[in-house]
Amino acid sequence: MDPVRNPYAPGAGQRPPELAGRDKQLDAFDVVLERIARSRPERSVVLTGLRGVGKTVLLNQLRSAAISRGWGTGKIEARPDQDLRRPLSSALHMAIRAIGTAHRDPDRVDDFLGVLKAFALRATADKGMRERWQPGIDVPAMTGRADSGDIEIDLVELLLDASSLARDIGVGIAIFIDEMQDLGAADISAICGACHELSQDAAPLIVVGAGLPHLPAVLSASKSYSERLFSYHRIDRLDRDAADLALIAPAEREGVEYTIDALDALYAKADGYPFFVQAYGKATWDLAAGTPITGEDVRVAAPSAEEELAVGFFGSRYERATPAEREYMRAMADLSGDDGPVATAKIAAELGRKPASLSPARDGLIKKGLIYSAERGTIGFTVPHFGRYLRSQSD
């Protein structure tokens, strides 16, 4: 069929044409927004799941919901090598710019921007003249507020001031953090501390984070009370009805139908993972002769989808690993027949090594976001079907 009319979108963070199976999370977030609008205390939100389940897409959708209510929003993507101050300053500046014009006292807005600038400039305070970055805030930096150099103290002061400004206007602020597990330990602790203060103040400011399955453990290791600070939502694969809807609804808008046999075959291939649903749907559309799309169309198109996944989704990640890390992952794949978590002791036995000698490879893979610590003493792939991919490469 005409590839120009192909409705499917297997892109990183790209919104699919039909956001199926996420009504529960969207409805829960609407409740959060409404409660805060009524000055009710509410927890910040954390989304967790493997790669390819649509966390970033959902995060963006939640942000759109906040914007539609007149909230100020900003978004950052955490990176292991980056401190929180600079990206958070930019995100919060964006949020304040969106709501600041509605404030009756422009001087109060400028005062806050001065505090924000002071917070941001602490990012380069210890780097001397080698770094001349400026936060792009056209007011003088304030002193004595959010500029102590202690990220936890400064973040609490900054976000409380921001929430007070939002309360004046009668709206809220939401800061969205993708790949939240990549924040440094001090930054994670600061966010937990700030969220604690905000919740006690019933402040109209929330943090909405998204990350890999071990993010709750990262938060809990930072603050023992973190399980009470956040509303956690595990984002998983789509059930059969939602996966079918993700395929059928966009196709119907183009006058195309699927046979039951085709939907059976597509669900078997994609296993309910949203990224795979889009990838197999796109490949099948491009190679199908016409409507209705049949099971045979899926079988013919599957190798094309799998080749593209092997290069862009699996292969690109595998290439980032060192030889020692690749050996570790191949041992994981051999031991995880269902691609579930594997005991680290079994991996050491499989490789004939002492567990301690494998720590550098394991830690390197965790930092690269290729594996995660599922439970104490176990490790899992962050990418669904990655073990299956590695086993197919060794066949």
Protein backbone atom coordinates (compact mmCIF):
# COMPACT_ATOMS: atom_id res chain seq x y z
CA MET A 1 0.00 0.00 0.00
CA ASP A 2 0.95 3.64 -0.29
CA PRO A 3 3.83 4.22 2.16
CA VAL A 4 3.04 7.95 2.25
CA ARG A 5 -0.28 7.13 3.91
CA ASN A 6 1.33 4.75 6.40
CA PRO A 7 -0.03 5.90 9.79
CA TYR A 8 2.38 4.07 12.10
CA ALA A 9 5.23 5.82 13.90
CA PRO A 10 7.97 3.62 15.43
CA GLY A 11 10.12 6.52 16.62
CA ALA A 12 11.86 7.18 19.93
CA GLY A 13 9.38 9.16 22.02
CA GLN A 14 7.21 9.77 18.96
CA ARG A 15 3.51 9.79 19.73
CA PRO A 16 1.71 6.90 18.01
CA PRO A 17 -1.38 7.77 15.97
CA GLU A 18 -3.51 6.03 18.60
CA LEU A 19 -2.36 6.20 22.23
CA ALA A 20 -4.00 2.98 23.32
CA GLY A 21 -3.99 1.31 26.72
CA ARG A 22 -2.95 4.31 28.81
CA ASP A 23 -6.35 5.62 29.93
CA LYS A 24 -5.74 4.58 33.53
CA GLN A 25 -2.60 6.73 33.82
CA LEU A 26 -4.14 9.66 31.98
CA ASP A 27 -7.26 9.60 34.17
CA ALA A 28 -5.16 9.38 37.34
CA PHE A 29 -3.14 12.41 36.28
CA ASP A 30 -6.32 14.38 35.59
CA VAL A 31 -7.29 13.70 39.21
CA VAL A 32 -3.88 14.99 40.36
CA LEU A 33 -4.32 18.19 38.37
CA GLU A 34 -7.85 18.74 39.63
CA ARG A 35 -6.90 18.11 43.26
CA ILE A 36 -4.06 20.60 43.07
CA ALA A 37 -6.40 23.13 41.43
CA ARG A 38 -8.58 22.78 44.53
CA SER A 39 -5.58 23.25 46.87
CA ARG A 40 -5.63 19.61 47.91
CA PRO A 41 -2.30 17.94 48.77
CA GLU A 42 -1.08 15.56 46.10
CA ARG A 43 2.00 13.45 45.42
CA SER A 44 4.38 13.80 42.52
CA VAL A 45 4.26 11.08 39.86
CA VAL A 46 6.76 8.46 38.66
CA LEU A 47 6.37 6.27 35.56
CA THR A 48 8.57 3.18 35.26
CA GLY A 49 9.04 0.48 32.68
CA LEU A 50 11.33 -1.11 30.13
CA ARG A 51 12.43 0.73 27.02
CA GLY A 52 9.91 0.62 24.21
CA VAL A 53 6.78 0.66 26.39
CA GLY A 54 6.02 4.32 25.69
CA LYS A 55 7.12 6.10 28.89
CA THR A 56 8.36 9.20 27.04
CA VAL A 57 5.21 9.33 24.91
CA LEU A 58 3.06 9.14 28.04
CA LEU A 59 5.23 11.73 29.80
CA ASN A 60 4.66 14.12 26.91
CA GLN A 61 0.93 13.42 26.97
CA LEU A 62 0.77 14.22 30.68
CA ARG A 63 2.61 17.44 30.00
CA SER A 64 0.05 18.34 27.34
CA ALA A 65 -2.71 17.73 29.88
CA ALA A 66 -1.04 20.16 32.31
CA ILE A 67 -0.56 22.79 29.61
CA SER A 68 -4.23 22.51 28.61
CA ARG A 69 -5.13 23.59 32.15
CA GLY A 70 -2.92 26.66 31.95
CA TRP A 71 -0.07 25.21 33.98
CA GLY A 72 3.54 26.20 33.56
CA THR A 73 5.64 23.22 32.49
CA GLY A 74 9.23 22.39 31.66
CA LYS A 75 10.91 19.14 30.68
CA ILE A 76 14.43 17.78 30.99
CA GLU A 77 16.14 14.55 30.02
CA ALA A 78 18.60 13.48 32.69
CA ARG A 79 22.09 12.38 31.71
CA PRO A 80 24.61 10.58 33.91
CA ASP A 81 27.31 13.18 33.25
CA GLN A 82 25.20 16.28 33.88
CA ASP A 83 24.32 18.06 37.12
CA LEU A 84 20.70 18.98 37.71
CA ARG A 85 21.08 22.75 38.13
CA ARG A 86 21.51 23.79 34.53
CA PRO A 87 18.73 21.75 32.85
CA LEU A 88 16.32 22.32 35.73
CA SER A 89 16.94 26.06 35.57
CA SER A 90 16.04 26.08 31.89
CA ALA A 91 12.93 23.95 32.45
CA LEU A 92 11.68 26.09 35.33
CA HIS A 93 12.43 29.28 33.39
CA MET A 94 10.21 27.96 30.59
CA ALA A 95 7.44 27.19 33.08
CA ILE A 96 7.59 30.66 34.64
CA ARG A 97 7.62 32.38 31.25
CA ALA A 98 4.40 30.54 30.41
CA ILE A 99 2.53 31.77 33.50
CA GLY A 100 4.40 34.90 34.58
CA THR A 101 2.57 37.32 32.31
CA ALA A 102 -0.66 36.56 34.20
CA HIS A 103 0.79 37.75 37.52
CA ARG A 104 -0.46 41.11 38.77
CA ASP A 105 2.94 42.05 40.21
CA PRO A 106 5.71 41.91 37.57
CA ASP A 107 8.28 42.83 40.20
CA ARG A 108 7.47 39.67 42.13
CA VAL A 109 8.05 37.64 38.99
CA ASP A 110 11.37 39.40 38.45
CA ASP A 111 12.36 38.71 42.04
CA PHE A 112 11.77 35.01 41.50
CA LEU A 113 13.73 35.07 38.23
CA GLY A 114 16.58 36.62 40.19
CA VAL A 115 16.48 33.68 42.60
CA LEU A 116 16.34 31.26 39.67
CA LYS A 117 19.36 32.93 38.08
CA ALA A 118 21.33 32.67 41.33
CA PHE A 119 20.42 28.96 41.55
CA ALA A 120 21.53 28.42 37.95
CA LEU A 121 24.82 30.27 38.31
CA ARG A 122 25.89 27.97 41.13
CA ALA A 123 26.36 25.36 38.39
CA THR A 124 29.47 27.21 37.24
CA ALA A 125 30.54 28.89 40.48
CA ASP A 126 33.36 26.41 41.07
CA LYS A 127 34.56 26.31 37.46
CA GLY A 128 36.10 29.76 37.30
CA MET A 129 36.41 31.55 33.98
CA ARG A 130 36.73 28.35 32.00
CA GLU A 131 32.97 28.19 31.62
CA ARG A 132 31.03 31.30 30.67
CA TRP A 133 27.54 29.80 30.46
CA GLN A 134 24.71 32.17 31.33
CA PRO A 135 21.13 31.05 32.00
CA GLY A 136 19.51 33.65 29.70
CA ILE A 137 17.54 35.38 32.48
CA ASP A 138 17.48 39.16 31.99
CA VAL A 139 17.38 40.22 35.64
CA PRO A 140 20.16 40.53 38.23
CA ALA A 141 20.84 37.44 40.31
CA MET A 142 19.47 37.61 43.88
CA THR A 143 21.61 36.67 46.83
CA GLY A 144 20.76 34.73 49.94
CA ARG A 145 18.15 32.43 48.42
CA ALA A 146 18.72 29.12 46.55
CA ASP A 147 22.41 29.94 46.14
CA SER A 148 24.09 28.20 49.10
CA GLY A 149 25.77 25.60 46.91
CA ASP A 150 24.00 22.74 48.71
CA ILE A 151 21.70 21.37 46.00
CA GLU A 152 19.15 20.01 48.48
CA ILE A 153 18.78 23.27 50.39
CA ASP A 154 18.76 25.32 47.20
CA LEU A 155 16.23 23.17 45.38
CA VAL A 156 13.78 23.25 48.27
CA GLU A 157 13.98 27.04 48.43
CA LEU A 158 13.71 27.42 44.66
CA LEU A 159 10.69 25.17 44.19
CA LEU A 160 8.85 26.58 47.18
CA ASP A 161 9.31 30.08 45.74
CA ALA A 162 8.15 28.89 42.31
CA SER A 163 5.07 27.23 43.80
CA SER A 164 4.23 30.40 45.72
CA LEU A 165 4.33 32.37 42.47
CA ALA A 166 2.04 29.82 40.80
CA ARG A 167 -0.35 29.94 43.75
CA ASP A 168 -0.65 33.72 43.32
CA ILE A 169 -1.90 33.15 39.78
CA GLY A 170 -4.15 30.21 40.64
CA VAL A 171 -2.34 27.64 38.50
CA GLY A 172 0.29 24.96 39.00
CA ILE A 173 3.77 24.07 37.78
CA ALA A 174 4.90 20.63 36.65
CA ILE A 175 8.51 19.67 35.97
CA PHE A 176 8.89 16.57 33.79
CA ILE A 177 12.08 14.52 34.07
CA ASP A 178 12.77 11.75 31.56
CA GLU A 179 15.44 9.07 32.22
CA MET A 180 15.20 10.05 35.89
CA GLN A 181 17.34 7.11 37.02
CA ASP A 182 20.35 8.81 35.40
CA LEU A 183 20.38 11.68 37.89
CA GLY A 184 23.26 11.73 40.34
CA ALA A 185 22.75 10.59 43.92
CA ALA A 186 22.86 14.14 45.30
CA ASP A 187 20.33 15.36 42.74
CA ILE A 188 17.96 12.45 43.44
CA SER A 189 18.18 13.21 47.16
CA ALA A 190 17.49 16.89 46.49
CA ILE A 191 14.40 16.13 44.43
CA CYS A 192 13.04 13.79 47.09
CA GLY A 193 13.67 16.41 49.76
CA ALA A 194 12.01 19.13 47.71
CA CYS A 195 8.97 16.95 46.94
CA HIS A 196 8.66 16.22 50.66
CA GLU A 197 8.56 19.93 51.48
CA LEU A 198 6.16 20.68 48.63
CA SER A 199 3.71 17.97 49.71
CA GLN A 200 3.69 19.24 53.29
CA ASP A 201 2.94 22.74 52.02
CA ALA A 202 0.22 21.45 49.63
CA ALA A 203 2.15 23.46 47.05
CA PRO A 204 0.90 23.64 43.44
CA LEU A 205 4.13 22.20 42.04
CA ILE A 206 4.81 18.57 41.17
CA VAL A 207 7.60 16.56 39.62
CA VAL A 208 6.65 13.95 37.03
CA GLY A 209 9.47 11.49 36.40
CA ALA A 210 9.93 8.58 34.03
CA GLY A 211 12.61 5.93 34.17
CA LEU A 212 13.64 2.31 34.05
CA PRO A 213 12.14 -0.33 36.37
CA HIS A 214 14.75 0.18 39.08
CA LEU A 215 13.93 3.90 39.50
CA PRO A 216 11.81 3.27 42.65
CA ALA A 217 14.81 1.49 44.21
CA VAL A 218 17.06 4.44 43.29
CA LEU A 219 14.63 6.83 44.98
CA SER A 220 14.23 4.59 48.03
CA ALA A 221 18.01 4.31 48.45
CA SER A 222 18.16 8.11 48.57
CA LYS A 223 15.28 8.74 50.99
CA SER A 224 13.61 5.97 52.95
CA TYR A 225 10.28 7.79 52.77
CA SER A 226 10.33 8.12 48.96
CA GLU A 227 7.68 5.41 48.52
CA ARG A 228 5.25 7.84 50.15
CA LEU A 229 6.37 10.86 48.14
CA PHE A 230 5.41 9.60 44.71
CA SER A 231 2.49 7.94 43.00
CA TYR A 232 4.16 5.09 41.07
CA HIS A 233 2.80 3.78 37.77
CA ARG A 234 4.33 0.70 36.15
CA ILE A 235 4.03 1.05 32.37
CA ASP A 236 3.97 -2.38 30.75
CA ARG A 237 3.12 -4.01 27.46
CA LEU A 238 -0.35 -3.54 25.97
CA ASP A 239 -3.01 -6.17 26.41
CA ARG A 240 -4.52 -7.70 23.28
CA ASP A 241 -7.44 -5.27 23.00
CA ALA A 242 -5.21 -2.20 23.35
CA ALA A 243 -2.62 -3.55 20.89
CA ASP A 244 -5.37 -4.26 18.35
CA LEU A 245 -6.79 -0.76 18.83
CA ALA A 246 -3.35 0.78 18.26
CA LEU A 247 -3.31 -0.92 14.84
CA ILE A 248 -6.97 -0.81 13.83
CA ALA A 249 -7.90 2.79 14.66
CA PRO A 250 -5.20 4.49 12.51
CA ALA A 251 -5.84 2.06 9.65
CA GLU A 252 -9.59 2.69 9.69
CA ARG A 253 -8.95 6.40 9.29
CA GLU A 254 -7.19 5.49 6.05
CA GLY A 255 -9.95 3.10 4.94
CA VAL A 256 -7.90 -0.04 5.66
CA GLU A 257 -8.91 -3.12 7.65
CA TYR A 258 -7.17 -6.12 9.24
CA THR A 259 -8.22 -9.75 9.28
CA ILE A 260 -8.29 -11.54 12.63
CA ASP A 261 -5.44 -13.73 11.37
CA ALA A 262 -3.34 -10.60 10.76
CA LEU A 263 -4.02 -9.22 14.23
CA ASP A 264 -3.15 -12.60 15.77
CA ALA A 265 0.16 -12.65 13.90
CA LEU A 266 1.00 -9.04 14.77
CA TYR A 267 0.33 -9.56 18.47
CA ALA A 268 2.48 -12.68 18.48
CA LYS A 269 5.34 -10.74 16.88
CA ALA A 270 5.08 -7.52 18.89
CA ASP A 271 4.24 -9.22 22.20
CA GLY A 272 2.24 -6.14 23.18
CA TYR A 273 5.23 -3.77 23.36
CA PRO A 274 4.10 -0.43 21.89
CA PHE A 275 7.31 0.24 19.96
CA PHE A 276 7.18 -3.19 18.37
CA VAL A 277 3.48 -2.77 17.56
CA GLN A 278 4.36 0.34 15.57
CA ALA A 279 7.42 -1.26 13.93
CA TYR A 280 5.60 -4.38 12.73
CA GLY A 281 2.52 -2.35 11.79
CA LYS A 282 4.60 0.00 9.65
CA ALA A 283 6.48 -2.79 7.86
CA THR A 284 3.27 -4.75 7.24
CA TRP A 285 1.48 -1.71 5.80
CA ASP A 286 4.34 -0.95 3.40
CA LEU A 287 4.44 -4.50 2.00
CA ALA A 288 0.70 -5.33 1.99
CA ALA A 289 -0.96 -5.35 -1.43
CA GLY A 290 -4.21 -3.85 -0.20
CA THR A 291 -7.06 -4.09 2.27
CA PRO A 292 -7.78 -6.14 4.26
CA ILE A 293 -4.29 -6.78 5.60
CA THR A 294 -3.88 -10.52 6.12
CA GLY A 295 -1.80 -12.85 8.22
CA GLU A 296 0.25 -13.69 5.15
CA ASP A 297 1.06 -9.98 4.75
CA VAL A 298 2.39 -9.99 8.31
CA ARG A 299 4.51 -13.08 7.72
CA VAL A 300 6.01 -11.57 4.57
CA ALA A 301 6.72 -8.24 6.26
CA ALA A 302 8.07 -9.58 9.57
CA PRO A 303 11.67 -10.11 8.34
CA SER A 304 11.80 -6.48 7.19
CA ALA A 305 10.63 -5.23 10.60
CA GLU A 306 13.05 -7.54 12.39
CA GLU A 307 15.96 -6.40 10.25
CA GLU A 308 15.23 -2.77 11.08
CA LEU A 309 14.88 -3.56 14.79
CA ALA A 310 18.14 -5.52 14.71
CA VAL A 311 20.01 -2.50 13.39
CA GLY A 312 18.27 0.48 15.00
CA PHE A 313 16.77 -0.85 18.23
CA PHE A 314 18.98 -3.74 19.32
CA GLY A 315 22.21 -3.46 17.34
CA SER A 316 22.87 0.21 18.11
CA ARG A 317 22.73 -0.59 21.83
CA TYR A 318 24.91 -3.69 21.54
CA GLU A 319 27.58 -1.70 19.70
CA ARG A 320 27.91 0.66 22.67
CA ALA A 321 29.11 -2.16 24.91
CA THR A 322 32.75 -3.14 25.42
CA PRO A 323 33.87 -6.72 24.65
CA ALA A 324 33.67 -7.63 28.36
CA GLU A 325 30.19 -6.12 28.60
CA ARG A 326 29.06 -8.01 25.49
CA GLU A 327 30.30 -11.26 27.01
CA TYR A 328 28.29 -10.49 30.14
CA MET A 329 25.12 -9.80 28.14
CA ARG A 330 25.50 -12.95 26.06
CA ALA A 331 25.74 -14.98 29.27
CA MET A 332 22.59 -13.23 30.51
CA ALA A 333 20.82 -14.09 27.25
CA ASP A 334 21.81 -17.75 27.45
CA LEU A 335 20.44 -18.00 30.99
CA SER A 336 17.21 -16.03 30.48
CA GLY A 337 15.10 -18.20 28.25
CA ASP A 338 12.08 -15.94 28.80
CA ASP A 339 14.23 -12.77 28.89
CA GLY A 340 13.40 -12.33 32.58
CA PRO A 341 15.86 -11.25 35.31
CA VAL A 342 18.89 -13.50 35.94
CA ALA A 343 20.81 -14.10 39.16
CA THR A 344 24.26 -12.51 39.01
CA ALA A 345 25.71 -15.61 40.69
CA LYS A 346 24.48 -17.73 37.77
CA ILE A 347 26.11 -15.37 35.28
CA ALA A 348 29.43 -15.70 37.12
CA ALA A 349 29.09 -19.49 37.10
CA GLU A 350 28.22 -19.47 33.38
CA LEU A 351 31.39 -17.49 32.64
CA GLY A 352 33.51 -19.41 35.11
CA ARG A 353 34.44 -16.21 36.94
CA LYS A 354 34.18 -14.82 40.44
CA PRO A 355 31.24 -12.40 40.84
CA ALA A 356 33.50 -9.56 41.99
CA SER A 357 35.55 -9.78 38.80
CA LEU A 358 32.41 -9.10 36.75
CA SER A 359 31.42 -5.98 38.66
CA PRO A 360 33.08 -3.55 36.19
CA ALA A 361 31.18 -5.05 33.25
CA ARG A 362 27.90 -5.10 35.17
CA ASP A 363 28.31 -1.54 36.41
CA GLY A 364 29.27 -0.33 32.94
CA LEU A 365 26.13 -1.86 31.44
CA ILE A 366 23.96 -0.30 34.14
CA LYS A 367 25.47 3.14 33.49
CA LYS A 368 24.84 2.71 29.76
CA GLY A 369 21.22 1.84 30.46
CA LEU A 370 21.45 -1.63 28.91
CA ILE A 371 20.69 -3.62 32.06
CA TYR A 372 19.16 -2.82 35.43
CA SER A 373 19.24 -4.28 38.91
CA ALA A 374 15.83 -5.94 39.05
CA GLU A 375 16.04 -7.21 42.65
CA ARG A 376 18.87 -7.88 45.04
CA GLY A 377 21.27 -10.29 43.35
CA THR A 378 19.49 -10.24 39.97
CA ILE A 379 19.92 -8.30 36.75
CA GLY A 380 17.64 -7.77 33.73
CA PHE A 381 17.75 -6.27 30.26
CA THR A 382 16.22 -2.80 29.97
CA VAL A 383 15.18 -3.58 26.38
CA PRO A 384 12.43 -6.16 25.81
CA HIS A 385 13.46 -9.18 23.73
CA PHE A 386 17.13 -8.19 23.91
CA GLY A 387 18.07 -11.66 25.11
CA ARG A 388 16.17 -13.18 22.18
CA TYR A 389 18.08 -10.88 19.82
CA LEU A 390 21.46 -11.91 21.27
CA ARG A 391 20.59 -15.59 21.06
CA SER A 392 19.57 -15.19 17.43
CA GLN A 393 22.92 -13.61 16.64
CA SER A 394 24.80 -16.60 18.01
CA ASP A 395 22.69 -19.21 16.21
